[in-house]
Amino acid sequence: MNLTIDLRFRALLKLSAVRRSVLSAPFLLAFCLQAVPAFALSETPAAAPVMAVEASADEAEAISGPSVSDIRVDGAQRLERETVLSYLTIAKGDVVSEDKLDASLKALYATGLFADVHVAMEENTLVVKIVENPIVNRIAYEGQDSISQDDLEKEVQLKPRLVYTLPKVQSDVQRILDLYRRSGRFAATVEPKIVQLDQNRVDVIFEIVEGSHTGVRRIKFVGNDHFDETDLRGAINTEESAWWKFFSSADFYDPDRTNYDRELLRRFYMNEGYVDFRVVSAVAEMTPDREDFFLTFTVDEGERYKFGKITIKNDIKGLDEALLQQYLTTKEADWYNADHVEKTITKLTTVLGDKQYAFVTIEPEIEKNKDAKTVDLVYHIKPGERVYIGRIDVSGNTRTLDKIIRREMQVAEGDPFSVSKVKRSEQKIRDLGFFEDVKVMPEPGAQPDRSDLKVEVKEKSTGEISMGAGFSSTDGPLGDFSIRERNFLGKGQDVRLGATISGVTKQFDFSFTEPYFLDRDLSAGADIFHVRSDEQRQSAYDETNTGFTLRMGYPLSEQLRQNLSYTLRQDKISNVSSTASRFIRDQVGTSVTSMVSQELVYDERDSKIEPTEGFVTKLKTDVAGAGGNRQYVRAKLTGVQYYTPVEKITLSATGEVGVIEGFNQDVHINDRFFLGGDTLRGFAYGGIGPRDLTNGADDALGGNRFARGSLEMSFPTFMPEDLGFKGHLFGDVGVLGKNDEKASAGELFMSDEKIRGSIGLGVSWQSPFGLVRLDYAQPVLKQSYDDIEHIHFSFGTRF
């Protein structure tokens, strides 16, 4: 009878635990006493207290769960048992509850290592059953054509040897679709395929259907009263599709570009005085054939405002506001222009930066007068602490050595912060020509008075294979070839091997330049050359030059540089016909020139690669006679001024003069000056100046002095700007003076020293293969015996 009571009591306790009953042990005991005959209790009066003790222990176990005596892991293949156990929130000896089991389950799923997980108790053993996610063996792409595999691999996050998960694949599918949409292919589809391999590995294959480009069939504007659609289309980046825009992507629909167009429209109107302008909406609707988009911008122009009162509010103690007035580019009564406001802020920031006030805040505070349609403007200058350069970090240079970049910096760690010097540093790094993009950005340093500089560069190809070509009615085509590496081994060294092969010239040359010899701002280099020129067409002789040049250069100031060189050269004039000018026949033979040269260069251009402002002046002198049998002094002065009167239109003016005088001997023909070709467009090389026309000869003799000038305007064409096309209008003038030759009676020797001139039109294209330029020039000041050349063409490629 005692056994029966005990089992029933245990059963009730179990039931109580399962149902989460609030019944206490004494209540259950009373219930059992009522259910059992009284004679059972009378035979064992001590049973009640024993039963009460057992009830308390069983109830605790049922509510809290059993304790873990062992943990078993089933299904592990690649992972060690200990690795799985490390993710659990339960260990041996712990008391198990439903919350703890749930927490362990979530922790295992969160690792991303498992496709399926099951955690349960079997008596006192915790059993963890897992199905591991596979490992990616390789990733392949099928169907891609317009986007390279390298670009796809940069975008996809899943990589070989990483754990495969479905969310990662889904995320990568979206990344690939976004990449295609940015390139204008909204019809592209991507389907991932999984190939199961042994050892729980998989191949992931992205099957891509690119579809055609989704263009922009029509761009329409609504609400524009003051500007027509042509003006507004020119202000935005997106273009309407056209068959001839095969090099441009601006006519593909891109939502990011559309958002940028909203900002471009705002800038356009703000620069025209429409302060209240806003873009109400930009809606893209796909055409019924699903091949293009209709793009509609709805705008609210608002009223047009002029500048009212313009003042400077200065919070910097000791700074004279009157000194800053001269840097204001905004003027009262002019139409409001947001670009002029930004330029003024930039200029003021630069000036204050040079005074060591870095990170100053200049806030333009405007107050509109709607009745007068004016905007009062206050440049509010808020001071910052004096800042010094902290760390200078360089990134992005995978090939170029750090020191090549750092030596162009105009500031060093610990120097006072200077905005203008930081900008000059950025420009000098850019002028190296090694990088596609350069950014020098100040960032807060470790201390309040320190500013770190972050130098980010994006390298580009510095090797070149270049070719040039020209054409004339008598010469036909000619070309030159050179291979050059301007950043040899990432050390900034310049190595060039060139050859010119044509009907008139065969030239082979090699040059090497170390721009920082002995780790100093001292350039050193050498040239070796062998040139054989057929000058029969212009001067009826062949010329061969063989020799070498040693060079060095060093700065005298930031803008002024001194270059020195020594040249040893052997010249040979041969193959002179009997009908040639006697002045040329007299010079047949071999001579040796030993020459020392110097060149002073003063350079204040804003860029050495694509200058738009500033000027450069060069003075070069050559003295021959330190050995050899040639003795002369020669000087040449060249100056070029660049000016940008309006945005994207650049004017350049070039002037050059030269003179040569012999020491107790006449100047040889191959040391004289010749004009034409690149130096005077519209005329062939040697096409003007002294000529001997005796007995049917037509030989250019060169001159001992010359002067020339050129004026050119470069401007954008009707083609999209990102294609790299530019137009050029130019005019050239020049005169070539007399030489040492003296004509005898009966000789027809022409040396009039009259000015020649030409005008012309050219177009250049920064193509994927290099710069291509075509010029057409028409002489307007010429003589009947001049040699004319209308067309000049050149092109090149880089690798």
Foldseek 3Di string as FASTA:
>chain_A
DLVVLLVVLLVVLLVCLVVVHPDDLVVSLVVSCVVDDPVVCVVPVVSVVVSSVVSVVSNVCSNQDAFAQEEAEPADQPDDPVVLVVQAPHDHRDGDDPVSQVSRLVSNVVVVQFPDWDWDDDPRYIYIYTHGAAFEQAEEEPDDDPDDPVVLVVQQPRGGRHGDDPVSVVVSQVSVCLVLVQLQQNVKHWDWDWAADPPRYIYIYIYIDRHDGAFAQEEEEAADDPDDPVVLQVQAQADDDDPPVPVDSSRGDHVVSVVVSQVSSVQVLQQQQQPVKHWPDWDWDADPVRRYTHIYIYIHRHDGAWAAAEEEAEPDPPDDRVVLPVLQPHDGPHTRHVVSVVSSVVVVQQVVQQVQFHPWDWDWDWDADVVRRHIYTYGYTHTADRAFEAAEAEDQCPFADPVVLVVLQPHDHGHGGHPVSQLSSQQSSVQLVFFPDWDWDWDCDPDRRYIYIYIYTHGDFQWWWFKFWWAFPPFGIWMWTKIWGCQPRNQRKIWIWIFTDGPFKTKTKIKIKRCQPVNHNKIKMKMWMWMWGRCCVAAQKIKIKGWMKIKMKHAPDPFKIKIKMWIKMKMAIDRHDPPGDVLSVVPGGIWIWTKIKMKMKGWDFSHPPDGAAGKMKMKMKMATDPDIDFGKIKIKIKMKGWHDPDPQKIKIKIKMKMAMDGDVDFDQQVVADWDEDPRAAFAHTLQDFKFWCAPNHTHRRHARMKIKMKMKMKHDDPRDVVQAKIKMKMKMKMWTAHGDDDDDPRTDIDGDRDMKMKIWMKMWTCHQFGIKIKIAIHIPGDDPSGGTGGIGITGIGGD
